[in-house]
Protein backbone atom coordinates (compact mmCIF):
# COMPACT_ATOMS: atom_id res chain seq x y z
CA MET A 1 37.53 -22.99 18.96
CA ILE A 2 36.31 -22.92 22.19
CA GLU A 3 32.68 -24.49 22.79
CA PRO A 4 30.10 -22.16 24.67
CA VAL A 5 29.78 -23.65 27.66
CA PHE A 6 33.32 -22.98 28.33
CA PHE A 7 32.79 -18.93 27.42
CA TYR A 8 29.71 -19.23 29.63
CA ALA A 9 31.70 -20.45 32.78
CA ALA A 10 34.58 -18.20 31.92
CA LEU A 11 31.68 -15.24 32.03
CA ILE A 12 30.56 -16.43 35.54
CA ILE A 13 33.76 -16.82 36.94
CA SER A 14 34.53 -13.33 35.66
CA ILE A 15 31.38 -11.60 37.37
CA GLY A 16 32.32 -13.30 40.72
CA ALA A 17 35.95 -11.99 40.21
CA PHE A 18 34.21 -8.49 39.78
CA LEU A 19 32.28 -9.07 42.82
CA ALA A 20 34.98 -9.82 44.82
CA ILE A 21 37.44 -6.79 43.70
CA LEU A 22 34.20 -4.66 44.60
CA ARG A 23 34.47 -6.21 48.06
CA ILE A 24 38.15 -5.88 48.56
CA LEU A 25 37.22 -2.02 47.63
CA LEU A 26 34.58 -1.57 49.46
CA GLY A 27 34.97 -3.64 52.36
CA PRO A 28 34.74 -2.01 55.76
CA THR A 29 37.07 -4.06 57.79
CA VAL A 30 40.17 -5.78 57.01
CA PRO A 31 38.69 -9.11 57.50
CA ASP A 32 36.39 -8.47 54.77
CA ARG A 33 38.99 -7.21 52.33
CA VAL A 34 40.86 -10.50 53.35
CA VAL A 35 37.90 -12.77 52.67
CA GLY A 36 37.21 -10.73 49.11
CA VAL A 37 41.06 -11.67 48.20
CA ASP A 38 40.75 -14.98 49.37
CA THR A 39 37.63 -15.38 47.37
CA LEU A 40 39.47 -13.80 44.08
CA ASN A 41 42.14 -16.40 44.83
CA THR A 42 39.56 -19.21 44.69
CA LEU A 43 38.01 -17.71 41.22
CA VAL A 44 41.61 -17.16 39.87
CA VAL A 45 42.32 -21.14 40.12
CA ALA A 46 38.92 -22.04 38.88
CA GLY A 47 39.80 -20.03 36.15
CA MET A 48 43.30 -21.63 35.54
CA VAL A 49 41.09 -25.26 35.79
CA LEU A 50 38.64 -24.25 33.35
CA LEU A 51 41.45 -22.88 30.90
CA GLY A 52 42.99 -25.88 31.09
CA ALA A 53 40.01 -28.05 30.24
CA ALA A 54 38.99 -25.90 27.45
CA TYR A 55 42.57 -25.90 25.72
CA ASP A 56 43.11 -29.72 26.90
CA ARG A 57 46.63 -28.65 28.46
CA THR A 58 47.47 -30.26 32.31
CA ILE A 59 49.89 -27.50 32.82
CA TYR A 60 47.55 -25.15 33.89
CA ILE A 61 45.95 -27.57 36.19
CA ASP A 62 49.00 -28.38 37.38
CA ILE A 63 50.39 -24.50 37.90
CA ALA A 64 46.17 -24.25 39.69
CA ILE A 65 47.40 -26.79 42.46
CA VAL A 66 50.31 -24.78 43.20
CA TYR A 67 48.52 -21.65 42.86
CA ALA A 68 46.04 -23.22 45.56
CA LEU A 69 48.70 -24.15 47.81
CA LEU A 70 50.25 -21.06 47.86
CA SER A 71 47.34 -18.93 48.55
CA TYR A 72 45.95 -20.97 51.14
CA ILE A 73 49.31 -20.86 53.05
CA GLY A 74 49.04 -16.46 52.22
CA THR A 75 45.54 -16.61 53.74
CA LEU A 76 46.91 -18.52 57.18
CA ILE A 77 49.65 -16.06 57.31
CA VAL A 78 47.14 -13.27 57.32
CA ALA A 79 44.67 -14.62 59.43
CA ARG A 80 47.23 -15.23 62.16
CA TYR A 81 48.77 -12.10 61.99
CA LEU A 82 45.62 -10.27 62.43
CA GLN A 83 44.60 -12.81 65.66
CA GLY A 84 47.36 -11.34 67.34
CA GLY A 85 50.78 -11.08 65.67
CA LEU A 86 53.39 -13.35 63.72
CA LYS A 87 55.82 -14.62 66.74
């Protein structure tokens, strides 16, 4: 059984993810949507780490590290594209 503290932390992360999805859908500009996607990726990583801590599995934390690295690279590529294109 998961302890209540993990449940409440997952609830807070879920609320943040919902707000990030709203920013993605309602963002008036493309940079706002990129920030929303980056925030959502960060919350997914936080959820994976929380899941790893709740179930005492290190594989979730390893996957979260790889996902965070790929998310960072993806954000850099999108920012570079919006700045002036990829050469």
